[in-house]
Amino acid sequence: MTDHQAGIEVLLVEDDPGDVLMTREAFEEHKVANRLSVVADGVSAMAFLRKEGEHAQAPTPDLILLDLNLPRMDGREVLAAVKADERLKHIPVVVLTTSEAEEDVLRSYSLHANAYVTKPVDFDRFIQVVRQIDDFFVTVVRLPHR
C-alpha cells in the first residue's frame, strides 16, 4: 500500500463546532483514507502532540490544521511551540483561520507556518478548500516518515 492509499494522520486544532463538522465532512467525502483527530484549544493541542495525559496514545500527526483564534492558548502560541520543539518542528502546519489580517499572515510565516489559508464563509467553498489542502499534502507533497 502506498502512502497515498494509506492516508495520513491529520490534527485539526479548531474550537468552532461548525468548522469541525465541515472539515470532517470534507475528509469523509474525499477518496483518501486520512484519519482526522480534533482538539478544541491550544493547550489540548500541545498535550496531544506531546502525548501527555489523556492523549498518551495519540497518533503523531503528519499534518496540523491550525486555527489562530483559540481559547487557553492561541494558534500563534501553538505554532511557535511546535516549531521550537525538536520532536515536532518537522510536522507541516497549515494555518486555517478566518483572519485576513496581514499581520496574522506575516506573523504566521515568521513562525514557520507551511501555509496560511483564510477560511471561506461559503459552505461549498470551505469544503473545496479543505479538500485541496488534503489533496496537496497527500498526493503532491512528500512528508517525512514517522
C-alpha atoms as a PDB file:
ATOM      1  CA  MET A   1       0.000   0.000   0.000  1.00  0.00           C
ATOM      2  CA  THR A   2       1.444   3.373  -0.955  1.00  0.00           C
ATOM      3  CA  ASP A   3       1.445   6.342   1.393  1.00  0.00           C
ATOM      4  CA  HIS A   4      -1.257   7.894  -0.803  1.00  0.00           C
ATOM      5  CA  GLN A   5      -3.540   4.885  -0.346  1.00  0.00           C
ATOM      6  CA  ALA A   6      -2.820   4.620   3.371  1.00  0.00           C
ATOM      7  CA  GLY A   7      -3.720   8.230   4.034  1.00  0.00           C
ATOM      8  CA  ILE A   8      -2.173  10.451   6.651  1.00  0.00           C
ATOM      9  CA  GLU A   9      -2.798  11.451  10.245  1.00  0.00           C
ATOM     10  CA  VAL A  10      -4.205  14.978  10.468  1.00  0.00           C
ATOM     11  CA  LEU A  11      -4.670  17.004  13.641  1.00  0.00           C
ATOM     12  CA  LEU A  12      -7.316  19.721  13.427  1.00  0.00           C
ATOM     13  CA  VAL A  13      -6.995  22.374  16.131  1.00  0.00           C
ATOM     14  CA  GLU A  14     -10.343  24.173  15.968  1.00  0.00           C
ATOM     15  CA  ASP A  15     -12.804  25.456  18.565  1.00  0.00           C
ATOM     16  CA  ASP A  16     -15.741  26.187  16.238  1.00  0.00           C
ATOM     17  CA  PRO A  17     -18.010  23.087  16.126  1.00  0.00           C
ATOM     18  CA  GLY A  18     -19.385  24.137  12.728  1.00  0.00           C
ATOM     19  CA  ASP A  19     -15.916  24.313  11.193  1.00  0.00           C
ATOM     20  CA  VAL A  20     -15.032  20.956  12.769  1.00  0.00           C
ATOM     21  CA  LEU A  21     -18.157  19.420  11.236  1.00  0.00           C
ATOM     22  CA  MET A  22     -17.434  20.874   7.782  1.00  0.00           C
ATOM     23  CA  THR A  23     -13.813  19.694   7.939  1.00  0.00           C
ATOM     24  CA  ARG A  24     -14.902  16.183   8.951  1.00  0.00           C
ATOM     25  CA  GLU A  25     -17.378  16.160   6.071  1.00  0.00           C
ATOM     26  CA  ALA A  26     -14.699  17.252   3.597  1.00  0.00           C
ATOM     27  CA  PHE A  27     -12.411  14.452   4.788  1.00  0.00           C
ATOM     28  CA  GLU A  28     -15.135  11.794   4.839  1.00  0.00           C
ATOM     29  CA  GLU A  29     -16.267  12.572   1.300  1.00  0.00           C
ATOM     30  CA  HIS A  30     -12.702  12.633  -0.010  1.00  0.00           C
ATOM     31  CA  LYS A  31     -11.351   9.446  -1.562  1.00  0.00           C
ATOM     32  CA  VAL A  32      -8.251   9.207   0.639  1.00  0.00           C
ATOM     33  CA  ALA A  33      -8.422   7.409   3.978  1.00  0.00           C
ATOM     34  CA  ASN A  34      -6.940  10.148   6.138  1.00  0.00           C
ATOM     35  CA  ARG A  35      -7.523   9.993   9.859  1.00  0.00           C
ATOM     36  CA  LEU A  36      -8.669  13.235  11.455  1.00  0.00           C
ATOM     37  CA  SER A  37      -8.149  13.934  15.151  1.00  0.00           C
ATOM     38  CA  VAL A  38      -9.641  17.093  16.648  1.00  0.00           C
ATOM     39  CA  VAL A  39      -8.780  19.192  19.698  1.00  0.00           C
ATOM     40  CA  ALA A  40     -10.568  22.421  20.602  1.00  0.00           C
ATOM     41  CA  ASP A  41      -7.850  24.575  22.153  1.00  0.00           C
ATOM     42  CA  GLY A  42      -4.119  25.218  22.132  1.00  0.00           C
ATOM     43  CA  VAL A  43      -3.378  23.584  25.482  1.00  0.00           C
ATOM     44  CA  SER A  44      -5.059  20.369  24.304  1.00  0.00           C
ATOM     45  CA  ALA A  45      -3.177  20.600  21.009  1.00  0.00           C
ATOM     46  CA  MET A  46       0.177  20.673  22.778  1.00  0.00           C
ATOM     47  CA  ALA A  47      -0.867  17.811  25.093  1.00  0.00           C
ATOM     48  CA  PHE A  48      -1.929  15.803  22.023  1.00  0.00           C
ATOM     49  CA  LEU A  49       1.325  16.500  20.197  1.00  0.00           C
ATOM     50  CA  ARG A  50       3.442  15.713  23.255  1.00  0.00           C
ATOM     51  CA  LYS A  51       1.311  12.639  24.097  1.00  0.00           C
ATOM     52  CA  GLU A  52       0.507  13.871  27.595  1.00  0.00           C
ATOM     53  CA  GLY A  53      -2.349  12.895  29.906  1.00  0.00           C
ATOM     54  CA  GLU A  54      -5.470  11.690  28.106  1.00  0.00           C
ATOM     55  CA  HIS A  55      -3.542  11.979  24.820  1.00  0.00           C
ATOM     56  CA  ALA A  56      -0.824   9.473  25.799  1.00  0.00           C
ATOM     57  CA  GLN A  57      -1.875   7.153  22.955  1.00  0.00           C
ATOM     58  CA  ALA A  58      -2.455   9.907  20.391  1.00  0.00           C
ATOM     59  CA  PRO A  59      -1.108   9.311  16.900  1.00  0.00           C
ATOM     60  CA  THR A  60       1.688  11.562  15.695  1.00  0.00           C
ATOM     61  CA  PRO A  61       0.128  13.754  13.013  1.00  0.00           C
ATOM     62  CA  ASP A  62       1.602  14.113   9.542  1.00  0.00           C
ATOM     63  CA  LEU A  63      -0.165  17.466   9.161  1.00  0.00           C
ATOM     64  CA  ILE A  64      -1.634  20.052  11.528  1.00  0.00           C
ATOM     65  CA  LEU A  65      -4.547  22.301  10.516  1.00  0.00           C
ATOM     66  CA  LEU A  66      -4.426  25.169  12.995  1.00  0.00           C
ATOM     67  CA  ASP A  67      -6.914  27.908  13.751  1.00  0.00           C
ATOM     68  CA  LEU A  68      -5.368  31.104  15.159  1.00  0.00           C
ATOM     69  CA  ASN A  69      -8.156  32.231  17.469  1.00  0.00           C
ATOM     70  CA  LEU A  70      -8.296  29.529  20.131  1.00  0.00           C
ATOM     71  CA  PRO A  71      -9.121  29.505  23.841  1.00  0.00           C
ATOM     72  CA  ARG A  72      -6.497  28.917  26.571  1.00  0.00           C
ATOM     73  CA  MET A  73      -3.511  29.123  24.167  1.00  0.00           C
ATOM     74  CA  ASP A  74      -3.955  30.784  20.800  1.00  0.00           C
ATOM     75  CA  GLY A  75      -2.812  29.356  17.477  1.00  0.00           C
ATOM     76  CA  ARG A  76       0.180  31.682  17.246  1.00  0.00           C
ATOM     77  CA  GLU A  77       1.483  30.316  20.552  1.00  0.00           C
ATOM     78  CA  VAL A  78       0.842  26.747  19.409  1.00  0.00           C
ATOM     79  CA  LEU A  79       2.671  27.388  16.133  1.00  0.00           C
ATOM     80  CA  ALA A  80       5.655  28.898  17.969  1.00  0.00           C
ATOM     81  CA  ALA A  81       5.757  25.963  20.416  1.00  0.00           C
ATOM     82  CA  VAL A  82       5.526  23.339  17.641  1.00  0.00           C
ATOM     83  CA  LYS A  83       8.261  24.910  15.544  1.00  0.00           C
ATOM     84  CA  ALA A  84      10.530  25.343  18.622  1.00  0.00           C
ATOM     85  CA  ASP A  85      10.196  21.670  19.619  1.00  0.00           C
ATOM     86  CA  GLU A  86      12.803  19.371  18.029  1.00  0.00           C
ATOM     87  CA  ARG A  87      10.349  16.436  18.078  1.00  0.00           C
ATOM     88  CA  LEU A  88       7.544  18.376  16.385  1.00  0.00           C
ATOM     89  CA  LYS A  89       9.041  21.045  14.135  1.00  0.00           C
ATOM     90  CA  HIS A  90       9.113  18.788  11.069  1.00  0.00           C
ATOM     91  CA  ILE A  91       5.299  18.484  11.066  1.00  0.00           C
ATOM     92  CA  PRO A  92       3.776  20.777   8.429  1.00  0.00           C
ATOM     93  CA  VAL A  93       1.362  23.331   9.889  1.00  0.00           C
ATOM     94  CA  VAL A  94      -1.336  24.919   7.768  1.00  0.00           C
ATOM     95  CA  VAL A  95      -2.938  27.912   9.442  1.00  0.00           C
ATOM     96  CA  LEU A  96      -6.653  27.676   8.602  1.00  0.00           C
ATOM     97  CA  THR A  97      -8.360  30.743  10.013  1.00  0.00           C
ATOM     98  CA  THR A  98     -10.975  33.416   9.433  1.00  0.00           C
ATOM     99  CA  SER A  99      -8.395  36.173   9.890  1.00  0.00           C
ATOM    100  CA  GLU A 100      -7.452  38.071   6.764  1.00  0.00           C
ATOM    101  CA  ALA A 101      -5.209  40.461   8.711  1.00  0.00           C
ATOM    102  CA  GLU A 102      -1.842  40.976   7.025  1.00  0.00           C
ATOM    103  CA  GLU A 103      -0.138  40.976  10.443  1.00  0.00           C
ATOM    104  CA  ASP A 104      -1.500  37.460  11.110  1.00  0.00           C
ATOM    105  CA  VAL A 105      -0.250  36.265   7.718  1.00  0.00           C
ATOM    106  CA  LEU A 106       3.216  37.757   8.294  1.00  0.00           C
ATOM    107  CA  ARG A 107       3.458  36.527  11.875  1.00  0.00           C
ATOM    108  CA  SER A 108       2.360  33.014  10.928  1.00  0.00           C
ATOM    109  CA  TYR A 109       5.010  32.756   8.236  1.00  0.00           C
ATOM    110  CA  SER A 110       7.638  34.270  10.537  1.00  0.00           C
ATOM    111  CA  LEU A 111       6.763  31.468  12.996  1.00  0.00           C
ATOM    112  CA  HIS A 112       7.378  28.990  10.133  1.00  0.00           C
ATOM    113  CA  ALA A 113       3.837  28.071   9.147  1.00  0.00           C
ATOM    114  CA  ASN A 114       3.913  25.988   5.965  1.00  0.00           C
ATOM    115  CA  ALA A 115       0.828  27.702   4.560  1.00  0.00           C
ATOM    116  CA  TYR A 116      -1.777  30.286   5.509  1.00  0.00           C
ATOM    117  CA  VAL A 117      -5.338  29.747   4.297  1.00  0.00           C
ATOM    118  CA  THR A 118      -8.284  32.028   5.038  1.00  0.00           C
ATOM    119  CA  LYS A 119     -11.458  30.018   5.698  1.00  0.00           C
ATOM    120  CA  PRO A 120     -14.150  30.737   3.172  1.00  0.00           C
ATOM    121  CA  VAL A 121     -17.528  31.560   4.724  1.00  0.00           C
ATOM    122  CA  ASP A 122     -19.411  29.718   1.975  1.00  0.00           C
ATOM    123  CA  PHE A 123     -20.005  26.049   2.898  1.00  0.00           C
ATOM    124  CA  ASP A 124     -19.214  24.586  -0.540  1.00  0.00           C
ATOM    125  CA  ARG A 125     -16.083  26.709  -0.909  1.00  0.00           C
ATOM    126  CA  PHE A 126     -14.930  25.717   2.607  1.00  0.00           C
ATOM    127  CA  ILE A 127     -15.299  22.024   1.714  1.00  0.00           C
ATOM    128  CA  GLN A 128     -13.403  22.607  -1.538  1.00  0.00           C
ATOM    129  CA  VAL A 129     -10.529  24.405   0.228  1.00  0.00           C
ATOM    130  CA  VAL A 130     -10.140  21.663   2.857  1.00  0.00           C
ATOM    131  CA  ARG A 131     -10.117  19.032   0.111  1.00  0.00           C
ATOM    132  CA  GLN A 132      -7.446  20.964  -1.793  1.00  0.00           C
ATOM    133  CA  ILE A 133      -5.252  21.166   1.317  1.00  0.00           C
ATOM    134  CA  ASP A 134      -5.822  17.468   1.939  1.00  0.00           C
ATOM    135  CA  ASP A 135      -5.097  16.540  -1.663  1.00  0.00           C
ATOM    136  CA  PHE A 136      -1.939  18.664  -1.790  1.00  0.00           C
ATOM    137  CA  PHE A 137      -0.427  17.073   1.315  1.00  0.00           C
ATOM    138  CA  VAL A 138      -1.384  13.535   0.265  1.00  0.00           C
ATOM    139  CA  THR A 139      -0.692  13.480  -3.469  1.00  0.00           C
ATOM    140  CA  VAL A 140       1.761  16.308  -4.170  1.00  0.00           C
ATOM    141  CA  VAL A 141       3.954  16.803  -1.113  1.00  0.00           C
ATOM    142  CA  ARG A 142       6.320  14.179   0.228  1.00  0.00           C
ATOM    143  CA  LEU A 143       6.009  14.076   4.004  1.00  0.00           C
ATOM    144  CA  PRO A 144       8.751  12.699   6.284  1.00  0.00           C
ATOM    145  CA  HIS A 145       8.296   9.132   7.505  1.00  0.00           C
ATOM    146  CA  ARG A 146       7.338   8.789  11.131  1.00  0.00           C
END
